[in-house]
């Protein structure tokens, strides 16, 4: 189960933080590390701070975009400093761990950490089904990247140990991230054909629709129905 949980670091500035994050992961039994557009690729400082987690660091995958990192994931959770942001459901680390383990038996799941100085961008947070925040001391809530990774990985391990060898089965699996992106592209194109969205002045329609579907979280069968509806509208427009 833990092998199917993906820890993603976005645009990391300091190579030492990459090594420290790898060490935090390995101590809790996680091994899948993905780096999205790091400022610098792992180096000697990364290896030194990874200590005995050199294998996690060596096997880390580097990709240019977050979309590529999560394309085959069915559940994506992004870390956020805000307890409520973008109208996306939020949770604390313990709830996040349970949610990841609930669905990890059906497809890869992802937990995303942002930049050291300002976290994830609004656009990146919109790609997430849920946001997770660490309820730290409000008078001093500053956590470095490795500490945040350690905190969430610890909760994942505790939830994993509590479940023993149980592997949850999901009756109605959710679509992968790449399937959702294809749906959003199709939806926008159809709305442009009906003139609901004007390409020169698109406004915030798609942003708000993404929020809506993130909250609703349609299952794969439901998403196929929605795609079918869009296709029928496209055919009617052509006629």
C-alpha atoms as a PDB file:
ATOM      1  CA  UNK A   1       0.000   0.000   0.000  1.00  0.00           C
ATOM      2  CA  UNK A   2       2.720   2.479   0.921  1.00  0.00           C
ATOM      3  CA  UNK A   3       4.495   1.855  -2.383  1.00  0.00           C
ATOM      4  CA  UNK A   4       1.517   3.377  -4.189  1.00  0.00           C
ATOM      5  CA  UNK A   5       1.629   6.654  -2.261  1.00  0.00           C
ATOM      6  CA  UNK A   6       3.485   9.361  -4.183  1.00  0.00           C
ATOM      7  CA  UNK A   7       5.186  12.246  -2.373  1.00  0.00           C
ATOM      8  CA  UNK A   8       5.578  15.192  -4.751  1.00  0.00           C
ATOM      9  CA  UNK A   9       7.806  18.213  -4.139  1.00  0.00           C
ATOM     10  CA  UNK A  10       7.142  21.206  -6.396  1.00  0.00           C
ATOM     11  CA  UNK A  11       9.893  23.602  -7.507  1.00  0.00           C
ATOM     12  CA  UNK A  12      12.095  22.930  -4.475  1.00  0.00           C
ATOM     13  CA  UNK A  13      14.779  25.614  -4.045  1.00  0.00           C
ATOM     14  CA  UNK A  14      17.280  23.937  -1.729  1.00  0.00           C
ATOM     15  CA  UNK A  15      18.743  20.571  -2.652  1.00  0.00           C
ATOM     16  CA  UNK A  16      19.306  19.747   0.998  1.00  0.00           C
ATOM     17  CA  UNK A  17      15.546  19.806   1.550  1.00  0.00           C
ATOM     18  CA  UNK A  18      15.126  17.143  -1.109  1.00  0.00           C
ATOM     19  CA  UNK A  19      17.504  14.843   0.763  1.00  0.00           C
ATOM     20  CA  UNK A  20      15.855  15.571   4.109  1.00  0.00           C
ATOM     21  CA  UNK A  21      12.430  14.838   2.622  1.00  0.00           C
ATOM     22  CA  UNK A  22      13.700  11.523   1.257  1.00  0.00           C
ATOM     23  CA  UNK A  23      14.959  10.609   4.733  1.00  0.00           C
ATOM     24  CA  UNK A  24      11.627  11.597   6.301  1.00  0.00           C
ATOM     25  CA  UNK A  25       9.832   9.373   3.803  1.00  0.00           C
ATOM     26  CA  UNK A  26      12.024   6.314   4.301  1.00  0.00           C
ATOM     27  CA  UNK A  27      11.731   6.399   8.096  1.00  0.00           C
ATOM     28  CA  UNK A  28       7.978   5.980   7.616  1.00  0.00           C
ATOM     29  CA  UNK A  29       8.188   3.333   4.891  1.00  0.00           C
ATOM     30  CA  UNK A  30       7.415   5.491   1.844  1.00  0.00           C
ATOM     31  CA  UNK A  31       9.600   5.338  -1.249  1.00  0.00           C
ATOM     32  CA  UNK A  32       7.931   7.085  -4.205  1.00  0.00           C
ATOM     33  CA  UNK A  33       9.409  10.586  -4.521  1.00  0.00           C
ATOM     34  CA  UNK A  34       8.641  12.859  -7.479  1.00  0.00           C
ATOM     35  CA  UNK A  35      10.314  16.224  -8.048  1.00  0.00           C
ATOM     36  CA  UNK A  36       8.465  18.769 -10.173  1.00  0.00           C
ATOM     37  CA  UNK A  37      10.736  21.320 -11.832  1.00  0.00           C
ATOM     38  CA  UNK A  38      13.279  21.568  -8.980  1.00  0.00           C
ATOM     39  CA  UNK A  39      15.462  24.686  -9.060  1.00  0.00           C
ATOM     40  CA  UNK A  40      18.461  22.348  -8.896  1.00  0.00           C
ATOM     41  CA  UNK A  41      18.536  18.583  -9.237  1.00  0.00           C
ATOM     42  CA  UNK A  42      19.669  16.461  -6.267  1.00  0.00           C
ATOM     43  CA  UNK A  43      23.384  16.824  -5.519  1.00  0.00           C
ATOM     44  CA  UNK A  44      25.944  15.936  -2.889  1.00  0.00           C
ATOM     45  CA  UNK A  45      24.157  17.992  -0.257  1.00  0.00           C
ATOM     46  CA  UNK A  46      20.963  16.083  -0.976  1.00  0.00           C
ATOM     47  CA  UNK A  47      22.784  12.782  -0.548  1.00  0.00           C
ATOM     48  CA  UNK A  48      24.396  13.894   2.701  1.00  0.00           C
ATOM     49  CA  UNK A  49      21.081  14.904   4.267  1.00  0.00           C
ATOM     50  CA  UNK A  50      19.299  11.828   2.918  1.00  0.00           C
ATOM     51  CA  UNK A  51      21.655   9.750   5.091  1.00  0.00           C
ATOM     52  CA  UNK A  52      20.462   6.137   4.751  1.00  0.00           C
ATOM     53  CA  UNK A  53      17.699   7.062   2.328  1.00  0.00           C
ATOM     54  CA  UNK A  54      19.962   7.291  -0.695  1.00  0.00           C
ATOM     55  CA  UNK A  55      17.848   4.717  -2.519  1.00  0.00           C
ATOM     56  CA  UNK A  56      14.725   6.904  -2.262  1.00  0.00           C
ATOM     57  CA  UNK A  57      16.732   9.853  -3.558  1.00  0.00           C
ATOM     58  CA  UNK A  58      18.355   7.866  -6.368  1.00  0.00           C
ATOM     59  CA  UNK A  59      14.988   6.571  -7.560  1.00  0.00           C
ATOM     60  CA  UNK A  60      13.277   9.975  -7.418  1.00  0.00           C
ATOM     61  CA  UNK A  61      11.540  10.886 -10.653  1.00  0.00           C
ATOM     62  CA  UNK A  62      11.970  14.392 -12.056  1.00  0.00           C
ATOM     63  CA  UNK A  63       9.203  15.835 -14.253  1.00  0.00           C
ATOM     64  CA  UNK A  64       8.624  19.331 -15.676  1.00  0.00           C
ATOM     65  CA  UNK A  65       5.001  19.850 -14.616  1.00  0.00           C
ATOM     66  CA  UNK A  66       2.665  18.935 -11.791  1.00  0.00           C
ATOM     67  CA  UNK A  67       0.108  17.714 -14.336  1.00  0.00           C
ATOM     68  CA  UNK A  68       2.574  15.070 -15.495  1.00  0.00           C
ATOM     69  CA  UNK A  69       3.385  14.052 -11.924  1.00  0.00           C
ATOM     70  CA  UNK A  70      -0.267  13.333 -11.082  1.00  0.00           C
ATOM     71  CA  UNK A  71      -1.643  12.221 -14.458  1.00  0.00           C
ATOM     72  CA  UNK A  72      -2.190   8.591 -13.376  1.00  0.00           C
ATOM     73  CA  UNK A  73      -3.354   9.403  -9.818  1.00  0.00           C
ATOM     74  CA  UNK A  74      -6.952   8.963  -8.727  1.00  0.00           C
ATOM     75  CA  UNK A  75      -6.616  11.048  -5.558  1.00  0.00           C
ATOM     76  CA  UNK A  76      -4.544  14.213  -5.233  1.00  0.00           C
ATOM     77  CA  UNK A  77      -4.115  16.093  -1.940  1.00  0.00           C
ATOM     78  CA  UNK A  78      -2.178  19.352  -1.743  1.00  0.00           C
ATOM     79  CA  UNK A  79      -0.681  20.938   1.338  1.00  0.00           C
ATOM     80  CA  UNK A  80      -1.890  24.439   2.155  1.00  0.00           C
ATOM     81  CA  UNK A  81      -1.250  26.917   4.939  1.00  0.00           C
ATOM     82  CA  UNK A  82      -4.851  28.059   4.768  1.00  0.00           C
ATOM     83  CA  UNK A  83      -7.583  26.221   6.654  1.00  0.00           C
ATOM     84  CA  UNK A  84     -10.007  27.112   3.900  1.00  0.00           C
ATOM     85  CA  UNK A  85      -8.955  27.921   0.363  1.00  0.00           C
ATOM     86  CA  UNK A  86     -10.525  27.887  -3.091  1.00  0.00           C
ATOM     87  CA  UNK A  87     -13.700  26.254  -1.747  1.00  0.00           C
ATOM     88  CA  UNK A  88     -11.903  22.895  -1.811  1.00  0.00           C
ATOM     89  CA  UNK A  89     -12.521  20.537   1.146  1.00  0.00           C
ATOM     90  CA  UNK A  90      -9.742  20.747   3.731  1.00  0.00           C
ATOM     91  CA  UNK A  91      -8.520  18.225   6.278  1.00  0.00           C
ATOM     92  CA  UNK A  92      -5.896  17.756   8.976  1.00  0.00           C
ATOM     93  CA  UNK A  93      -2.999  15.262   8.587  1.00  0.00           C
ATOM     94  CA  UNK A  94      -4.781  12.370  10.334  1.00  0.00           C
ATOM     95  CA  UNK A  95      -7.799  12.673   8.049  1.00  0.00           C
ATOM     96  CA  UNK A  96      -5.481  13.014   5.062  1.00  0.00           C
ATOM     97  CA  UNK A  97      -3.691   9.773   5.919  1.00  0.00           C
ATOM     98  CA  UNK A  98      -6.958   7.864   6.255  1.00  0.00           C
ATOM     99  CA  UNK A  99      -8.210   9.234   2.939  1.00  0.00           C
ATOM    100  CA  UNK A 100      -5.031   8.252   1.100  1.00  0.00           C
ATOM    101  CA  UNK A 101      -5.172   4.718   2.485  1.00  0.00           C
ATOM    102  CA  UNK A 102      -8.876   4.410   1.692  1.00  0.00           C
ATOM    103  CA  UNK A 103      -8.137   4.794  -2.012  1.00  0.00           C
ATOM    104  CA  UNK A 104      -4.568   3.616  -2.507  1.00  0.00           C
ATOM    105  CA  UNK A 105      -5.755   0.103  -3.334  1.00  0.00           C
ATOM    106  CA  UNK A 106      -7.406   1.341  -6.549  1.00  0.00           C
ATOM    107  CA  UNK A 107      -4.755   3.595  -8.116  1.00  0.00           C
ATOM    108  CA  UNK A 108      -1.714   5.708  -7.232  1.00  0.00           C
ATOM    109  CA  UNK A 109      -2.450   8.578  -4.855  1.00  0.00           C
ATOM    110  CA  UNK A 110      -0.451  11.776  -4.429  1.00  0.00           C
ATOM    111  CA  UNK A 111       0.458  14.118  -1.594  1.00  0.00           C
ATOM    112  CA  UNK A 112       1.914  17.417  -2.846  1.00  0.00           C
ATOM    113  CA  UNK A 113       4.239  19.851  -1.071  1.00  0.00           C
ATOM    114  CA  UNK A 114       4.935  23.333  -2.435  1.00  0.00           C
ATOM    115  CA  UNK A 115       7.845  25.731  -2.489  1.00  0.00           C
ATOM    116  CA  UNK A 116       9.765  26.545   0.654  1.00  0.00           C
ATOM    117  CA  UNK A 117       8.908  30.247   0.526  1.00  0.00           C
ATOM    118  CA  UNK A 118       5.291  30.349  -0.680  1.00  0.00           C
ATOM    119  CA  UNK A 119       3.910  26.828  -1.029  1.00  0.00           C
ATOM    120  CA  UNK A 120       1.691  25.803  -3.926  1.00  0.00           C
ATOM    121  CA  UNK A 121       0.281  28.314  -6.389  1.00  0.00           C
ATOM    122  CA  UNK A 122      -3.456  28.828  -6.785  1.00  0.00           C
ATOM    123  CA  UNK A 123      -3.347  27.009 -10.112  1.00  0.00           C
ATOM    124  CA  UNK A 124      -1.571  24.025  -8.547  1.00  0.00           C
ATOM    125  CA  UNK A 125      -4.016  23.891  -5.640  1.00  0.00           C
ATOM    126  CA  UNK A 126      -6.898  23.765  -8.123  1.00  0.00           C
ATOM    127  CA  UNK A 127      -5.527  20.453  -9.413  1.00  0.00           C
ATOM    128  CA  UNK A 128      -6.105  18.879  -5.985  1.00  0.00           C
ATOM    129  CA  UNK A 129      -9.229  17.085  -4.767  1.00  0.00           C
ATOM    130  CA  UNK A 130      -8.505  18.060  -1.154  1.00  0.00           C
ATOM    131  CA  UNK A 131      -6.196  20.382   0.762  1.00  0.00           C
ATOM    132  CA  UNK A 132      -4.442  19.405   3.981  1.00  0.00           C
ATOM    133  CA  UNK A 133      -3.061  21.790   6.593  1.00  0.00           C
ATOM    134  CA  UNK A 134      -1.013  21.190   9.713  1.00  0.00           C
ATOM    135  CA  UNK A 135      -2.718  22.890  12.706  1.00  0.00           C
ATOM    136  CA  UNK A 136       0.511  24.285  14.124  1.00  0.00           C
ATOM    137  CA  UNK A 137       0.896  26.947  16.795  1.00  0.00           C
ATOM    138  CA  UNK A 138      -0.895  30.019  15.345  1.00  0.00           C
ATOM    139  CA  UNK A 139       1.694  32.287  16.964  1.00  0.00           C
ATOM    140  CA  UNK A 140       4.525  30.481  15.178  1.00  0.00           C
ATOM    141  CA  UNK A 141       3.300  28.167  12.446  1.00  0.00           C
ATOM    142  CA  UNK A 142       6.456  28.118  10.310  1.00  0.00           C
ATOM    143  CA  UNK A 143       7.450  24.564   9.366  1.00  0.00           C
ATOM    144  CA  UNK A 144      10.337  23.751   7.071  1.00  0.00           C
ATOM    145  CA  UNK A 145       9.665  21.454   4.135  1.00  0.00           C
ATOM    146  CA  UNK A 146      11.213  18.300   5.630  1.00  0.00           C
ATOM    147  CA  UNK A 147       9.302  18.775   8.901  1.00  0.00           C
ATOM    148  CA  UNK A 148       6.026  19.033   6.992  1.00  0.00           C
ATOM    149  CA  UNK A 149       6.860  15.896   4.992  1.00  0.00           C
ATOM    150  CA  UNK A 150       7.804  14.065   8.209  1.00  0.00           C
ATOM    151  CA  UNK A 151       4.568  15.064   9.957  1.00  0.00           C
ATOM    152  CA  UNK A 152       2.315  13.829   7.167  1.00  0.00           C
ATOM    153  CA  UNK A 153       4.337  10.685   6.473  1.00  0.00           C
ATOM    154  CA  UNK A 154       4.141   9.821  10.187  1.00  0.00           C
ATOM    155  CA  UNK A 155       0.347  10.053  10.099  1.00  0.00           C
ATOM    156  CA  UNK A 156       0.275   7.856   7.001  1.00  0.00           C
ATOM    157  CA  UNK A 157       2.377   5.224   8.753  1.00  0.00           C
ATOM    158  CA  UNK A 158       0.230   5.276  11.887  1.00  0.00           C
ATOM    159  CA  UNK A 159      -2.916   4.822   9.808  1.00  0.00           C
ATOM    160  CA  UNK A 160      -1.220   2.040   7.857  1.00  0.00           C
ATOM    161  CA  UNK A 161      -0.151   0.168  11.000  1.00  0.00           C
ATOM    162  CA  UNK A 162      -3.631   0.516  12.489  1.00  0.00           C
ATOM    163  CA  UNK A 163      -5.102  -1.226   9.449  1.00  0.00           C
ATOM    164  CA  UNK A 164      -2.701  -4.142   9.485  1.00  0.00           C
ATOM    165  CA  UNK A 165      -2.775  -6.091   6.242  1.00  0.00           C
ATOM    166  CA  UNK A 166      -6.193  -4.897   5.134  1.00  0.00           C
ATOM    167  CA  UNK A 167      -6.404  -3.751   1.525  1.00  0.00           C
ATOM    168  CA  UNK A 168      -9.557  -1.705   0.909  1.00  0.00           C
ATOM    169  CA  UNK A 169     -11.584  -2.432  -2.184  1.00  0.00           C
ATOM    170  CA  UNK A 170     -13.387   0.376  -3.942  1.00  0.00           C
ATOM    171  CA  UNK A 171     -16.706  -0.380  -5.637  1.00  0.00           C
ATOM    172  CA  UNK A 172     -16.879   2.854  -7.629  1.00  0.00           C
ATOM    173  CA  UNK A 173     -13.345   4.026  -8.425  1.00  0.00           C
ATOM    174  CA  UNK A 174     -12.775   7.646  -9.205  1.00  0.00           C
ATOM    175  CA  UNK A 175     -11.274   8.821 -12.510  1.00  0.00           C
ATOM    176  CA  UNK A 176      -7.564   9.475 -12.808  1.00  0.00           C
ATOM    177  CA  UNK A 177      -6.286  13.039 -12.933  1.00  0.00           C
ATOM    178  CA  UNK A 178      -5.593  12.827 -16.679  1.00  0.00           C
ATOM    179  CA  UNK A 179      -9.210  11.712 -17.287  1.00  0.00           C
ATOM    180  CA  UNK A 180     -10.475  14.721 -15.340  1.00  0.00           C
ATOM    181  CA  UNK A 181      -8.242  17.049 -17.348  1.00  0.00           C
ATOM    182  CA  UNK A 182      -9.647  15.633 -20.592  1.00  0.00           C
ATOM    183  CA  UNK A 183     -13.152  16.239 -19.241  1.00  0.00           C
ATOM    184  CA  UNK A 184     -12.333  19.856 -18.333  1.00  0.00           C
ATOM    185  CA  UNK A 185     -10.874  20.442 -21.797  1.00  0.00           C
ATOM    186  CA  UNK A 186     -13.975  18.926 -23.417  1.00  0.00           C
ATOM    187  CA  UNK A 187     -16.272  20.966 -21.163  1.00  0.00           C
ATOM    188  CA  UNK A 188     -14.518  24.234 -21.991  1.00  0.00           C
ATOM    189  CA  UNK A 189     -14.565  23.511 -25.727  1.00  0.00           C
ATOM    190  CA  UNK A 190     -18.283  22.718 -25.647  1.00  0.00           C
ATOM    191  CA  UNK A 191     -19.087  25.845 -23.638  1.00  0.00           C
ATOM    192  CA  UNK A 192     -17.161  27.879 -26.185  1.00  0.00           C
ATOM    193  CA  UNK A 193     -19.200  26.329 -29.015  1.00  0.00           C
ATOM    194  CA  UNK A 194     -22.441  27.309 -27.263  1.00  0.00           C
ATOM    195  CA  UNK A 195     -21.009  30.815 -26.634  1.00  0.00           C
ATOM    196  CA  UNK A 196     -21.425  30.366 -22.895  1.00  0.00           C
ATOM    197  CA  UNK A 197     -17.681  31.039 -22.696  1.00  0.00           C
ATOM    198  CA  UNK A 198     -16.238  33.696 -24.977  1.00  0.00           C
ATOM    199  CA  UNK A 199     -12.596  32.741 -25.708  1.00  0.00           C
ATOM    200  CA  UNK A 200     -11.449  36.379 -25.684  1.00  0.00           C
ATOM    201  CA  UNK A 201     -13.068  36.967 -22.273  1.00  0.00           C
ATOM    202  CA  UNK A 202     -13.304  33.590 -20.525  1.00  0.00           C
ATOM    203  CA  UNK A 203     -13.570  35.080 -17.049  1.00  0.00           C
ATOM    204  CA  UNK A 204     -13.541  32.670 -14.094  1.00  0.00           C
ATOM    205  CA  UNK A 205     -16.085  30.174 -15.408  1.00  0.00           C
ATOM    206  CA  UNK A 206     -13.716  27.208 -15.704  1.00  0.00           C
ATOM    207  CA  UNK A 207     -12.070  27.972 -12.368  1.00  0.00           C
ATOM    208  CA  UNK A 208     -15.462  27.890 -10.646  1.00  0.00           C
ATOM    209  CA  UNK A 209     -16.528  24.754 -12.532  1.00  0.00           C
ATOM    210  CA  UNK A 210     -13.321  23.014 -11.451  1.00  0.00           C
ATOM    211  CA  UNK A 211     -14.169  23.888  -7.848  1.00  0.00           C
ATOM    212  CA  UNK A 212     -17.655  22.512  -8.327  1.00  0.00           C
ATOM    213  CA  UNK A 213     -16.499  19.176  -9.725  1.00  0.00           C
ATOM    214  CA  UNK A 214     -13.698  18.912  -7.162  1.00  0.00           C
ATOM    215  CA  UNK A 215     -16.311  19.190  -4.415  1.00  0.00           C
ATOM    216  CA  UNK A 216     -18.704  16.794  -6.149  1.00  0.00           C
ATOM    217  CA  UNK A 217     -15.888  14.408  -7.120  1.00  0.00           C
ATOM    218  CA  UNK A 218     -17.760  12.382  -9.780  1.00  0.00           C
ATOM    219  CA  UNK A 219     -16.958   8.691 -10.032  1.00  0.00           C
ATOM    220  CA  UNK A 220     -15.648   7.200 -13.267  1.00  0.00           C
ATOM    221  CA  UNK A 221     -19.101   6.077 -14.432  1.00  0.00           C
ATOM    222  CA  UNK A 222     -20.551   9.503 -13.667  1.00  0.00           C
ATOM    223  CA  UNK A 223     -17.727  11.227 -15.523  1.00  0.00           C
ATOM    224  CA  UNK A 224     -18.405   9.039 -18.560  1.00  0.00           C
ATOM    225  CA  UNK A 225     -22.053  10.139 -18.444  1.00  0.00           C
ATOM    226  CA  UNK A 226     -20.983  13.778 -18.350  1.00  0.00           C
ATOM    227  CA  UNK A 227     -18.640  13.233 -21.293  1.00  0.00           C
ATOM    228  CA  UNK A 228     -21.520  11.589 -23.162  1.00  0.00           C
ATOM    229  CA  UNK A 229     -23.746  14.590 -22.483  1.00  0.00           C
ATOM    230  CA  UNK A 230     -21.069  16.929 -23.836  1.00  0.00           C
ATOM    231  CA  UNK A 231     -20.670  14.763 -26.942  1.00  0.00           C
ATOM    232  CA  UNK A 232     -24.430  14.872 -27.579  1.00  0.00           C
ATOM    233  CA  UNK A 233     -24.360  18.671 -27.284  1.00  0.00           C
ATOM    234  CA  UNK A 234     -21.438  18.835 -29.729  1.00  0.00           C
ATOM    235  CA  UNK A 235     -23.349  16.723 -32.247  1.00  0.00           C
ATOM    236  CA  UNK A 236     -26.448  18.902 -31.899  1.00  0.00           C
ATOM    237  CA  UNK A 237     -24.381  22.012 -32.526  1.00  0.00           C
ATOM    238  CA  UNK A 238     -22.873  20.481 -35.666  1.00  0.00           C
ATOM    239  CA  UNK A 239     -26.329  19.663 -37.008  1.00  0.00           C
END
